[in-house]
N, C-alpha and C. Protein backbone atom coordinates (compact mmCIF):
# COMPACT_ATOMS: atom_id res chain seq x y z
N MET A 1 70.57 -2.85 -38.83
CA MET A 1 70.31 -4.05 -39.61
C MET A 1 70.39 -3.70 -41.09
N ASN A 2 71.31 -4.31 -41.78
CA ASN A 2 71.57 -3.97 -43.18
C ASN A 2 70.79 -4.88 -44.12
N VAL A 3 69.51 -4.55 -44.33
CA VAL A 3 68.64 -5.36 -45.19
C VAL A 3 68.83 -4.95 -46.64
N ASP A 4 68.90 -5.93 -47.53
CA ASP A 4 69.06 -5.65 -48.96
C ASP A 4 67.68 -5.48 -49.59
N PHE A 5 67.12 -4.28 -49.48
CA PHE A 5 65.80 -4.01 -50.06
C PHE A 5 65.85 -3.90 -51.58
N GLY A 6 67.05 -3.84 -52.16
CA GLY A 6 67.18 -3.74 -53.61
C GLY A 6 67.22 -5.08 -54.31
N LYS A 7 67.12 -6.18 -53.55
CA LYS A 7 67.23 -7.52 -54.13
C LYS A 7 66.08 -7.79 -55.11
N TYR A 8 64.90 -7.31 -54.75
CA TYR A 8 63.73 -7.51 -55.60
C TYR A 8 63.30 -6.17 -56.19
N GLY A 9 62.63 -6.20 -57.31
CA GLY A 9 62.31 -4.98 -58.05
C GLY A 9 61.40 -4.01 -57.33
N ASP A 10 60.55 -4.52 -56.41
CA ASP A 10 59.59 -3.64 -55.75
C ASP A 10 60.10 -3.02 -54.47
N GLY A 11 61.35 -3.33 -54.10
CA GLY A 11 61.92 -2.75 -52.88
C GLY A 11 61.39 -3.36 -51.60
N LEU A 12 60.75 -4.51 -51.70
CA LEU A 12 60.18 -5.19 -50.53
C LEU A 12 60.95 -6.48 -50.25
N VAL A 13 60.95 -6.88 -48.99
CA VAL A 13 61.51 -8.18 -48.63
C VAL A 13 60.47 -8.96 -47.85
N PRO A 14 60.48 -10.30 -47.95
CA PRO A 14 59.55 -11.11 -47.17
C PRO A 14 59.86 -11.00 -45.68
N ALA A 15 58.81 -11.02 -44.88
CA ALA A 15 58.95 -11.00 -43.42
C ALA A 15 58.14 -12.16 -42.86
N ILE A 16 58.84 -13.16 -42.36
CA ILE A 16 58.20 -14.34 -41.77
C ILE A 16 57.90 -14.02 -40.31
N ILE A 17 56.66 -14.20 -39.90
CA ILE A 17 56.25 -13.90 -38.53
C ILE A 17 56.09 -15.21 -37.76
N GLN A 18 56.82 -15.31 -36.65
CA GLN A 18 56.81 -16.52 -35.82
C GLN A 18 56.42 -16.14 -34.40
N ASP A 19 55.61 -16.97 -33.77
CA ASP A 19 55.23 -16.71 -32.39
C ASP A 19 56.45 -16.88 -31.49
N ALA A 20 56.71 -15.88 -30.66
CA ALA A 20 57.90 -15.89 -29.83
C ALA A 20 57.89 -17.00 -28.78
N ILE A 21 56.70 -17.47 -28.42
CA ILE A 21 56.60 -18.51 -27.39
C ILE A 21 56.41 -19.89 -27.99
N THR A 22 55.41 -20.05 -28.85
CA THR A 22 55.11 -21.38 -29.37
C THR A 22 56.01 -21.77 -30.54
N GLN A 23 56.68 -20.79 -31.16
CA GLN A 23 57.55 -20.99 -32.33
C GLN A 23 56.76 -21.33 -33.58
N LYS A 24 55.43 -21.25 -33.55
CA LYS A 24 54.62 -21.50 -34.75
C LYS A 24 54.80 -20.35 -35.74
N VAL A 25 54.87 -20.67 -37.04
CA VAL A 25 54.87 -19.64 -38.07
C VAL A 25 53.45 -19.14 -38.21
N LEU A 26 53.27 -17.82 -38.05
CA LEU A 26 51.93 -17.25 -38.02
C LEU A 26 51.48 -16.73 -39.38
N MET A 27 52.36 -16.03 -40.07
CA MET A 27 51.99 -15.44 -41.36
C MET A 27 53.23 -14.99 -42.10
N LEU A 28 53.02 -14.56 -43.34
CA LEU A 28 54.08 -13.99 -44.16
C LEU A 28 53.60 -12.64 -44.67
N GLY A 29 54.44 -11.63 -44.53
CA GLY A 29 54.12 -10.31 -45.06
C GLY A 29 55.33 -9.76 -45.78
N PHE A 30 55.23 -8.51 -46.19
CA PHE A 30 56.34 -7.86 -46.88
C PHE A 30 56.64 -6.52 -46.24
N MET A 31 57.90 -6.17 -46.20
CA MET A 31 58.32 -4.92 -45.59
C MET A 31 59.24 -4.14 -46.52
N ASN A 32 59.12 -2.82 -46.44
CA ASN A 32 60.15 -1.95 -47.00
C ASN A 32 60.87 -1.30 -45.82
N GLN A 33 61.81 -0.42 -46.10
CA GLN A 33 62.58 0.19 -45.01
C GLN A 33 61.67 0.95 -44.05
N GLU A 34 60.68 1.64 -44.58
CA GLU A 34 59.78 2.44 -43.75
C GLU A 34 58.98 1.54 -42.80
N ALA A 35 58.52 0.40 -43.30
CA ALA A 35 57.76 -0.54 -42.46
C ALA A 35 58.64 -1.12 -41.37
N LEU A 36 59.88 -1.43 -41.72
CA LEU A 36 60.81 -1.96 -40.72
C LEU A 36 61.11 -0.93 -39.65
N ASP A 37 61.34 0.32 -40.07
CA ASP A 37 61.62 1.39 -39.12
C ASP A 37 60.45 1.59 -38.16
N LYS A 38 59.24 1.59 -38.69
CA LYS A 38 58.04 1.79 -37.87
C LYS A 38 57.86 0.63 -36.89
N THR A 39 58.13 -0.59 -37.36
CA THR A 39 58.03 -1.77 -36.50
C THR A 39 59.00 -1.66 -35.32
N GLU A 40 60.24 -1.29 -35.60
CA GLU A 40 61.25 -1.18 -34.55
C GLU A 40 60.93 -0.03 -33.60
N LYS A 41 60.43 1.05 -34.12
CA LYS A 41 60.15 2.23 -33.29
C LYS A 41 58.96 2.04 -32.38
N GLU A 42 57.87 1.46 -32.93
CA GLU A 42 56.62 1.38 -32.17
C GLU A 42 56.40 0.03 -31.49
N GLY A 43 57.17 -1.00 -31.91
CA GLY A 43 57.03 -2.30 -31.27
C GLY A 43 55.84 -3.10 -31.73
N LYS A 44 55.17 -2.64 -32.79
CA LYS A 44 54.06 -3.38 -33.38
C LYS A 44 54.42 -3.67 -34.84
N VAL A 45 54.28 -4.93 -35.24
CA VAL A 45 54.72 -5.33 -36.57
C VAL A 45 53.90 -4.63 -37.65
N THR A 46 54.62 -3.95 -38.53
CA THR A 46 54.01 -3.19 -39.62
C THR A 46 54.57 -3.67 -40.95
N PHE A 47 53.69 -3.83 -41.91
CA PHE A 47 54.06 -4.30 -43.24
C PHE A 47 53.82 -3.19 -44.27
N PHE A 48 54.30 -3.45 -45.48
CA PHE A 48 53.85 -2.65 -46.62
C PHE A 48 52.83 -3.49 -47.36
N SER A 49 51.59 -3.02 -47.40
CA SER A 49 50.52 -3.76 -48.07
C SER A 49 50.57 -3.49 -49.56
N ARG A 50 50.79 -4.53 -50.33
CA ARG A 50 50.85 -4.38 -51.79
C ARG A 50 49.46 -4.09 -52.36
N SER A 51 48.42 -4.62 -51.73
CA SER A 51 47.06 -4.38 -52.23
C SER A 51 46.57 -2.97 -51.90
N LYS A 52 46.97 -2.46 -50.72
CA LYS A 52 46.54 -1.12 -50.31
C LYS A 52 47.51 -0.04 -50.75
N GLY A 53 48.73 -0.46 -51.08
CA GLY A 53 49.74 0.49 -51.52
C GLY A 53 50.21 1.43 -50.44
N ARG A 54 50.22 0.94 -49.20
CA ARG A 54 50.63 1.78 -48.06
C ARG A 54 51.11 0.91 -46.91
N LEU A 55 51.65 1.58 -45.86
CA LEU A 55 52.02 0.85 -44.65
C LEU A 55 50.76 0.34 -43.97
N TRP A 56 50.89 -0.85 -43.38
CA TRP A 56 49.75 -1.46 -42.71
C TRP A 56 50.25 -2.15 -41.44
N THR A 57 49.80 -1.65 -40.30
CA THR A 57 50.14 -2.26 -39.03
C THR A 57 49.15 -3.38 -38.74
N LYS A 58 49.65 -4.59 -38.58
CA LYS A 58 48.77 -5.73 -38.30
C LYS A 58 47.98 -5.45 -37.03
N GLY A 59 46.65 -5.52 -37.15
CA GLY A 59 45.79 -5.27 -36.00
C GLY A 59 45.27 -3.86 -35.91
N GLU A 60 45.57 -3.02 -36.89
CA GLU A 60 45.15 -1.62 -36.80
C GLU A 60 43.63 -1.48 -36.80
N GLU A 61 42.93 -2.46 -37.36
CA GLU A 61 41.47 -2.44 -37.34
C GLU A 61 40.90 -3.41 -36.32
N SER A 62 41.47 -4.60 -36.24
CA SER A 62 40.93 -5.65 -35.35
C SER A 62 41.41 -5.53 -33.91
N GLY A 63 42.58 -4.88 -33.71
CA GLY A 63 43.18 -4.85 -32.38
C GLY A 63 44.07 -6.04 -32.11
N ASN A 64 44.15 -6.96 -33.08
CA ASN A 64 44.98 -8.16 -32.94
C ASN A 64 46.41 -7.85 -33.38
N TYR A 65 47.08 -6.99 -32.63
CA TYR A 65 48.43 -6.58 -32.98
C TYR A 65 49.42 -7.73 -32.82
N LEU A 66 50.55 -7.58 -33.48
CA LEU A 66 51.70 -8.47 -33.29
C LEU A 66 52.77 -7.65 -32.59
N LEU A 67 53.03 -7.94 -31.32
CA LEU A 67 54.01 -7.19 -30.55
C LEU A 67 55.41 -7.73 -30.83
N LEU A 68 56.29 -6.85 -31.26
CA LEU A 68 57.65 -7.25 -31.64
C LEU A 68 58.43 -7.76 -30.44
N ARG A 69 59.07 -8.93 -30.62
CA ARG A 69 59.94 -9.48 -29.58
C ARG A 69 61.39 -9.60 -30.06
N SER A 70 61.59 -9.90 -31.34
CA SER A 70 62.95 -9.94 -31.87
C SER A 70 62.92 -9.89 -33.40
N LEU A 71 64.05 -9.48 -33.96
CA LEU A 71 64.23 -9.38 -35.41
C LEU A 71 65.50 -10.12 -35.80
N ALA A 72 65.46 -10.86 -36.91
CA ALA A 72 66.67 -11.51 -37.42
C ALA A 72 66.67 -11.42 -38.94
N LEU A 73 67.86 -11.33 -39.49
CA LEU A 73 68.04 -11.23 -40.93
C LEU A 73 68.74 -12.48 -41.43
N ASP A 74 68.28 -13.02 -42.56
CA ASP A 74 68.89 -14.26 -43.07
C ASP A 74 70.26 -13.99 -43.69
N CYS A 75 70.95 -15.06 -44.10
CA CYS A 75 72.32 -14.96 -44.58
C CYS A 75 72.45 -14.16 -45.87
N ASP A 76 71.38 -14.10 -46.68
CA ASP A 76 71.42 -13.33 -47.92
C ASP A 76 70.95 -11.89 -47.73
N ARG A 77 70.57 -11.56 -46.51
CA ARG A 77 70.12 -10.21 -46.14
C ARG A 77 68.86 -9.78 -46.90
N ASP A 78 68.03 -10.74 -47.32
CA ASP A 78 66.84 -10.35 -48.08
C ASP A 78 65.54 -10.96 -47.53
N THR A 79 65.61 -11.54 -46.33
CA THR A 79 64.41 -12.10 -45.69
C THR A 79 64.51 -11.87 -44.18
N LEU A 80 63.42 -11.39 -43.60
CA LEU A 80 63.38 -11.11 -42.16
C LEU A 80 62.63 -12.22 -41.43
N LEU A 81 63.12 -12.57 -40.26
CA LEU A 81 62.41 -13.45 -39.34
C LEU A 81 62.05 -12.62 -38.12
N ILE A 82 60.76 -12.46 -37.91
CA ILE A 82 60.28 -11.63 -36.81
C ILE A 82 59.55 -12.50 -35.80
N LYS A 83 60.03 -12.49 -34.58
CA LYS A 83 59.32 -13.19 -33.51
C LYS A 83 58.45 -12.18 -32.78
N ALA A 84 57.19 -12.55 -32.61
CA ALA A 84 56.22 -11.60 -32.07
C ALA A 84 55.27 -12.30 -31.11
N GLU A 85 54.58 -11.48 -30.34
CA GLU A 85 53.52 -11.97 -29.46
C GLU A 85 52.18 -11.53 -30.04
N PRO A 86 51.36 -12.46 -30.53
CA PRO A 86 50.07 -12.08 -31.11
C PRO A 86 49.04 -11.76 -30.04
N LEU A 87 48.28 -10.71 -30.25
CA LEU A 87 47.23 -10.34 -29.30
C LEU A 87 45.86 -10.81 -29.78
N GLY A 88 45.85 -11.95 -30.41
CA GLY A 88 44.60 -12.50 -30.93
C GLY A 88 44.87 -13.30 -32.17
N PRO A 89 43.81 -13.77 -32.85
CA PRO A 89 43.99 -14.51 -34.09
C PRO A 89 44.77 -13.69 -35.10
N VAL A 90 45.60 -14.35 -35.90
CA VAL A 90 46.45 -13.65 -36.85
C VAL A 90 45.81 -13.54 -38.23
N CYS A 91 45.16 -14.60 -38.67
CA CYS A 91 44.59 -14.60 -40.01
C CYS A 91 43.28 -13.82 -40.07
N HIS A 92 43.00 -13.21 -41.22
CA HIS A 92 41.76 -12.46 -41.40
C HIS A 92 40.53 -13.36 -41.31
N THR A 93 40.74 -14.68 -41.44
CA THR A 93 39.62 -15.62 -41.33
C THR A 93 39.24 -15.89 -39.87
N GLY A 94 40.09 -15.42 -38.95
CA GLY A 94 39.86 -15.70 -37.54
C GLY A 94 40.67 -16.86 -37.01
N ALA A 95 41.46 -17.49 -37.89
CA ALA A 95 42.31 -18.61 -37.47
C ALA A 95 43.55 -18.10 -36.75
N ASP A 96 44.15 -18.97 -35.95
CA ASP A 96 45.36 -18.60 -35.21
C ASP A 96 46.51 -18.24 -36.14
N THR A 97 46.63 -18.99 -37.26
CA THR A 97 47.70 -18.73 -38.22
C THR A 97 47.08 -18.69 -39.62
N CYS A 98 47.87 -18.22 -40.58
CA CYS A 98 47.38 -18.18 -41.97
C CYS A 98 47.38 -19.54 -42.62
N TRP A 99 47.81 -20.57 -41.88
CA TRP A 99 47.76 -21.94 -42.36
C TRP A 99 46.70 -22.73 -41.59
N ASP A 100 45.86 -22.00 -40.88
CA ASP A 100 44.74 -22.59 -40.13
C ASP A 100 45.21 -23.63 -39.12
N GLU A 101 46.37 -23.33 -38.50
CA GLU A 101 46.89 -24.21 -37.46
C GLU A 101 46.58 -23.61 -36.09
N LYS A 102 46.45 -24.46 -35.10
CA LYS A 102 46.33 -23.97 -33.73
C LYS A 102 47.69 -23.45 -33.29
N ASN A 103 47.68 -22.28 -32.68
CA ASN A 103 48.94 -21.68 -32.26
C ASN A 103 49.34 -22.23 -30.89
N GLN A 104 49.75 -23.49 -30.89
CA GLN A 104 50.15 -24.16 -29.66
C GLN A 104 51.48 -24.85 -29.86
N ASN A 105 52.29 -24.80 -28.85
CA ASN A 105 53.57 -25.50 -28.89
C ASN A 105 53.33 -26.95 -28.50
N GLU A 106 53.78 -27.88 -29.37
CA GLU A 106 53.60 -29.30 -29.05
C GLU A 106 54.32 -29.66 -27.75
N ASP A 107 55.40 -28.97 -27.46
CA ASP A 107 56.13 -29.18 -26.22
C ASP A 107 55.65 -28.14 -25.21
N PHE A 108 54.59 -28.46 -24.48
CA PHE A 108 53.96 -27.47 -23.61
C PHE A 108 54.88 -27.02 -22.48
N LEU A 109 55.74 -27.90 -21.98
CA LEU A 109 56.62 -27.50 -20.88
C LEU A 109 57.61 -26.42 -21.33
N THR A 110 58.09 -26.54 -22.57
CA THR A 110 58.97 -25.49 -23.10
C THR A 110 58.21 -24.18 -23.22
N CYS A 111 56.99 -24.27 -23.69
CA CYS A 111 56.12 -23.10 -23.79
C CYS A 111 55.91 -22.48 -22.41
N LEU A 112 55.66 -23.31 -21.42
CA LEU A 112 55.44 -22.83 -20.06
C LEU A 112 56.68 -22.14 -19.50
N GLU A 113 57.86 -22.68 -19.82
CA GLU A 113 59.10 -22.04 -19.38
C GLU A 113 59.25 -20.65 -19.98
N GLU A 114 58.84 -20.50 -21.24
CA GLU A 114 58.90 -19.18 -21.89
C GLU A 114 57.95 -18.20 -21.20
N ILE A 115 56.77 -18.68 -20.85
CA ILE A 115 55.79 -17.82 -20.18
C ILE A 115 56.32 -17.39 -18.81
N ILE A 116 56.93 -18.32 -18.08
CA ILE A 116 57.52 -18.00 -16.78
C ILE A 116 58.59 -16.93 -16.93
N GLN A 117 59.43 -17.06 -17.96
CA GLN A 117 60.48 -16.07 -18.19
C GLN A 117 59.88 -14.69 -18.49
N GLN A 118 58.81 -14.67 -19.28
CA GLN A 118 58.16 -13.40 -19.58
C GLN A 118 57.57 -12.77 -18.32
N ARG A 119 56.93 -13.60 -17.50
CA ARG A 119 56.35 -13.07 -16.26
C ARG A 119 57.44 -12.53 -15.32
N ARG A 120 58.59 -13.20 -15.33
CA ARG A 120 59.70 -12.76 -14.48
C ARG A 120 60.15 -11.35 -14.83
N GLN A 121 60.04 -11.00 -16.10
CA GLN A 121 60.52 -9.71 -16.58
C GLN A 121 59.51 -8.58 -16.39
N GLN A 122 58.33 -8.90 -15.88
CA GLN A 122 57.32 -7.86 -15.67
C GLN A 122 57.78 -6.88 -14.60
N ALA A 123 57.65 -5.61 -14.91
CA ALA A 123 58.07 -4.58 -13.96
C ALA A 123 57.12 -4.50 -12.76
N ASP A 124 55.83 -4.71 -13.02
CA ASP A 124 54.83 -4.63 -11.96
C ASP A 124 54.39 -6.05 -11.59
N PRO A 125 54.78 -6.53 -10.40
CA PRO A 125 54.46 -7.90 -10.02
C PRO A 125 53.02 -8.10 -9.54
N SER A 126 52.27 -7.02 -9.39
CA SER A 126 50.95 -7.13 -8.78
C SER A 126 49.95 -7.88 -9.67
N GLY A 127 50.18 -7.90 -10.98
CA GLY A 127 49.21 -8.53 -11.87
C GLY A 127 49.53 -9.96 -12.23
N SER A 128 50.55 -10.55 -11.61
CA SER A 128 50.94 -11.91 -11.97
C SER A 128 51.45 -12.66 -10.74
N TYR A 129 50.91 -13.86 -10.52
CA TYR A 129 51.37 -14.69 -9.41
C TYR A 129 52.84 -15.03 -9.55
N VAL A 130 53.25 -15.39 -10.78
CA VAL A 130 54.64 -15.76 -11.02
C VAL A 130 55.56 -14.56 -10.77
N ALA A 131 55.19 -13.40 -11.30
CA ALA A 131 56.00 -12.20 -11.10
C ALA A 131 56.11 -11.85 -9.62
N SER A 132 55.02 -12.06 -8.88
CA SER A 132 55.04 -11.75 -7.45
C SER A 132 55.98 -12.69 -6.69
N LEU A 133 56.05 -13.96 -7.13
CA LEU A 133 56.98 -14.91 -6.51
C LEU A 133 58.42 -14.49 -6.75
N PHE A 134 58.74 -14.11 -7.97
CA PHE A 134 60.10 -13.64 -8.27
C PHE A 134 60.42 -12.38 -7.46
N HIS A 135 59.43 -11.55 -7.30
CA HIS A 135 59.62 -10.30 -6.54
C HIS A 135 59.96 -10.60 -5.07
N LYS A 136 59.39 -11.69 -4.54
CA LYS A 136 59.63 -12.05 -3.14
C LYS A 136 60.98 -12.71 -2.92
N GLY A 137 61.58 -13.22 -4.01
CA GLY A 137 62.94 -13.74 -3.90
C GLY A 137 63.04 -15.25 -3.86
N ILE A 138 64.28 -15.72 -3.93
CA ILE A 138 64.57 -17.14 -4.06
C ILE A 138 64.12 -17.95 -2.85
N ASN A 139 64.17 -17.38 -1.66
CA ASN A 139 63.75 -18.13 -0.47
C ASN A 139 62.27 -18.48 -0.52
N LYS A 140 61.46 -17.52 -0.97
CA LYS A 140 60.01 -17.76 -1.07
C LYS A 140 59.72 -18.79 -2.15
N ILE A 141 60.44 -18.71 -3.27
CA ILE A 141 60.24 -19.67 -4.35
C ILE A 141 60.60 -21.08 -3.90
N ALA A 142 61.74 -21.22 -3.23
CA ALA A 142 62.18 -22.52 -2.72
C ALA A 142 61.19 -23.06 -1.69
N GLN A 143 60.69 -22.17 -0.84
CA GLN A 143 59.71 -22.56 0.16
C GLN A 143 58.46 -23.13 -0.49
N LYS A 144 58.00 -22.49 -1.58
CA LYS A 144 56.80 -22.97 -2.28
C LYS A 144 57.02 -24.36 -2.87
N VAL A 145 58.22 -24.61 -3.39
CA VAL A 145 58.52 -25.94 -3.92
C VAL A 145 58.43 -26.98 -2.80
N GLY A 146 58.98 -26.65 -1.63
CA GLY A 146 58.91 -27.55 -0.48
C GLY A 146 57.48 -27.82 -0.05
N GLU A 147 56.66 -26.77 0.00
CA GLU A 147 55.26 -26.92 0.39
C GLU A 147 54.51 -27.82 -0.59
N GLU A 148 54.74 -27.59 -1.88
CA GLU A 148 54.04 -28.38 -2.89
C GLU A 148 54.49 -29.83 -2.86
N ALA A 149 55.77 -30.07 -2.57
CA ALA A 149 56.28 -31.45 -2.48
C ALA A 149 55.62 -32.19 -1.34
N ILE A 150 55.48 -31.51 -0.21
CA ILE A 150 54.83 -32.14 0.96
C ILE A 150 53.38 -32.47 0.65
N GLU A 151 52.68 -31.52 0.00
CA GLU A 151 51.27 -31.75 -0.34
C GLU A 151 51.12 -32.92 -1.31
N LEU A 152 52.09 -33.07 -2.23
CA LEU A 152 52.05 -34.19 -3.17
C LEU A 152 52.25 -35.51 -2.44
N VAL A 153 53.18 -35.55 -1.50
CA VAL A 153 53.43 -36.77 -0.72
C VAL A 153 52.18 -37.16 0.06
N ILE A 154 51.51 -36.18 0.66
CA ILE A 154 50.29 -36.46 1.42
C ILE A 154 49.22 -37.07 0.53
N GLU A 155 49.03 -36.47 -0.66
CA GLU A 155 48.00 -36.97 -1.58
C GLU A 155 48.37 -38.33 -2.15
N ALA A 156 49.67 -38.63 -2.21
CA ALA A 156 50.10 -39.93 -2.75
C ALA A 156 49.65 -41.08 -1.86
N LYS A 157 49.43 -40.79 -0.59
CA LYS A 157 49.04 -41.84 0.36
C LYS A 157 47.55 -42.13 0.30
N ASP A 158 46.79 -41.22 -0.32
CA ASP A 158 45.34 -41.43 -0.46
C ASP A 158 45.03 -41.99 -1.85
N HIS A 159 43.76 -42.04 -2.17
CA HIS A 159 43.36 -42.65 -3.44
C HIS A 159 42.53 -41.70 -4.30
N ASP A 160 42.72 -40.40 -4.11
CA ASP A 160 42.02 -39.41 -4.92
C ASP A 160 42.94 -39.00 -6.07
N GLU A 161 42.71 -39.59 -7.24
CA GLU A 161 43.60 -39.36 -8.38
C GLU A 161 43.60 -37.90 -8.81
N ASP A 162 42.44 -37.25 -8.75
CA ASP A 162 42.34 -35.86 -9.19
C ASP A 162 43.20 -34.95 -8.31
N LEU A 163 43.09 -35.12 -7.00
CA LEU A 163 43.89 -34.31 -6.08
C LEU A 163 45.38 -34.59 -6.25
N PHE A 164 45.72 -35.87 -6.42
CA PHE A 164 47.12 -36.24 -6.59
C PHE A 164 47.72 -35.58 -7.84
N LEU A 165 47.00 -35.67 -8.96
CA LEU A 165 47.51 -35.10 -10.21
C LEU A 165 47.60 -33.58 -10.15
N ASN A 166 46.65 -32.96 -9.47
CA ASN A 166 46.70 -31.50 -9.34
C ASN A 166 47.88 -31.06 -8.49
N GLU A 167 48.15 -31.80 -7.42
CA GLU A 167 49.32 -31.48 -6.59
C GLU A 167 50.61 -31.73 -7.37
N ALA A 168 50.62 -32.78 -8.21
CA ALA A 168 51.79 -33.05 -9.04
C ALA A 168 52.02 -31.89 -10.01
N ALA A 169 50.93 -31.36 -10.58
CA ALA A 169 51.04 -30.22 -11.49
C ALA A 169 51.56 -28.98 -10.76
N ASP A 170 51.07 -28.75 -9.55
CA ASP A 170 51.53 -27.61 -8.75
C ASP A 170 53.03 -27.72 -8.46
N LEU A 171 53.48 -28.93 -8.12
CA LEU A 171 54.90 -29.11 -7.82
C LEU A 171 55.76 -28.87 -9.06
N LEU A 172 55.35 -29.43 -10.19
CA LEU A 172 56.11 -29.25 -11.42
C LEU A 172 56.17 -27.77 -11.81
N PHE A 173 55.07 -27.07 -11.69
CA PHE A 173 55.00 -25.65 -12.03
C PHE A 173 55.98 -24.84 -11.18
N HIS A 174 55.95 -25.06 -9.88
CA HIS A 174 56.84 -24.30 -8.99
C HIS A 174 58.30 -24.73 -9.14
N TYR A 175 58.51 -25.99 -9.52
CA TYR A 175 59.86 -26.46 -9.80
C TYR A 175 60.44 -25.72 -11.01
N LEU A 176 59.62 -25.50 -12.04
CA LEU A 176 60.06 -24.74 -13.22
C LEU A 176 60.40 -23.31 -12.84
N ILE A 177 59.63 -22.73 -11.94
CA ILE A 177 59.92 -21.38 -11.48
C ILE A 177 61.25 -21.34 -10.74
N LEU A 178 61.50 -22.34 -9.88
CA LEU A 178 62.76 -22.41 -9.14
C LEU A 178 63.94 -22.56 -10.09
N LEU A 179 63.80 -23.43 -11.09
CA LEU A 179 64.87 -23.59 -12.07
C LEU A 179 65.19 -22.26 -12.74
N ASN A 180 64.15 -21.55 -13.15
CA ASN A 180 64.34 -20.26 -13.81
C ASN A 180 65.03 -19.27 -12.89
N ALA A 181 64.61 -19.26 -11.63
CA ALA A 181 65.19 -18.33 -10.66
C ALA A 181 66.68 -18.58 -10.46
N LYS A 182 67.09 -19.83 -10.62
CA LYS A 182 68.50 -20.19 -10.47
C LYS A 182 69.28 -20.08 -11.78
N GLY A 183 68.58 -19.69 -12.86
CA GLY A 183 69.24 -19.51 -14.15
C GLY A 183 69.33 -20.76 -15.00
N TYR A 184 68.48 -21.74 -14.72
CA TYR A 184 68.50 -22.99 -15.46
C TYR A 184 67.12 -23.29 -16.05
N ASN A 185 67.05 -24.37 -16.83
CA ASN A 185 65.76 -24.82 -17.36
C ASN A 185 65.74 -26.35 -17.41
N LEU A 186 64.63 -26.89 -17.88
CA LEU A 186 64.48 -28.35 -17.90
C LEU A 186 65.53 -29.04 -18.77
N GLN A 187 65.96 -28.36 -19.84
CA GLN A 187 66.95 -28.95 -20.72
C GLN A 187 68.26 -29.21 -19.98
N ASP A 188 68.62 -28.30 -19.08
CA ASP A 188 69.84 -28.49 -18.28
C ASP A 188 69.74 -29.76 -17.42
N VAL A 189 68.57 -29.96 -16.86
CA VAL A 189 68.36 -31.15 -16.02
C VAL A 189 68.33 -32.41 -16.90
N THR A 190 67.69 -32.28 -18.05
CA THR A 190 67.61 -33.41 -18.98
C THR A 190 69.00 -33.88 -19.41
N GLU A 191 69.90 -32.93 -19.64
CA GLU A 191 71.26 -33.30 -20.06
C GLU A 191 71.98 -34.10 -18.99
N ILE A 192 71.75 -33.75 -17.73
CA ILE A 192 72.35 -34.52 -16.63
C ILE A 192 71.80 -35.94 -16.60
N LEU A 193 70.48 -36.05 -16.79
CA LEU A 193 69.87 -37.39 -16.81
C LEU A 193 70.37 -38.22 -17.98
N LYS A 194 70.59 -37.58 -19.13
CA LYS A 194 71.15 -38.30 -20.27
C LYS A 194 72.54 -38.83 -19.98
N GLU A 195 73.36 -38.00 -19.33
CA GLU A 195 74.72 -38.42 -18.99
C GLU A 195 74.69 -39.59 -18.00
N ARG A 196 73.79 -39.52 -17.04
CA ARG A 196 73.67 -40.62 -16.07
C ARG A 196 73.23 -41.91 -16.76
N HIS A 197 72.36 -41.77 -17.75
CA HIS A 197 71.83 -42.93 -18.45
C HIS A 197 72.93 -43.67 -19.23
N LYS A 198 73.96 -42.93 -19.63
CA LYS A 198 75.05 -43.52 -20.40
C LYS A 198 75.95 -44.40 -19.52
N LYS A 199 75.94 -44.15 -18.22
CA LYS A 199 76.86 -44.86 -17.32
C LYS A 199 76.37 -46.26 -17.00
């Protein structure tokens, strides 16, 4: 990555930190080449602290690290966009972000799809229900969708709204897993519905 650290007089470039799942902007820090190298090597976002005059790994005292997920450089090569997974509140005040925003994706289903994808990539399936389903294969995932659909139909015939909605949630959740297993997502399905709507 060819970052232009000479653009500014102090040899630092801004680093915008964005949550890899919710897409919320979490904070802004500054990096020099050494901070960038350490971030890439160790997988924990590290800045150059202008107040401390040294490298500073976010979370080195609190344990609220920012785990590196991706790095991007802007068109002028003088600003970094870092997508990370926060292991706790990001701001020193205890807030989720330095703008005192809740770190939540307004589109929860998109957020849920990201979480499913992350669980799918887990090497050890024993600690995650989703990972264990992927480990068992497409037949088991499809079977679960069928089971949940039947349970939803059964509850639809009764008048217990709580049970009905919970079964609906179970079906939608497993449907998202099936889509992911087949290499698709809700947006792919939405595009088909849009095309049908035009006819």
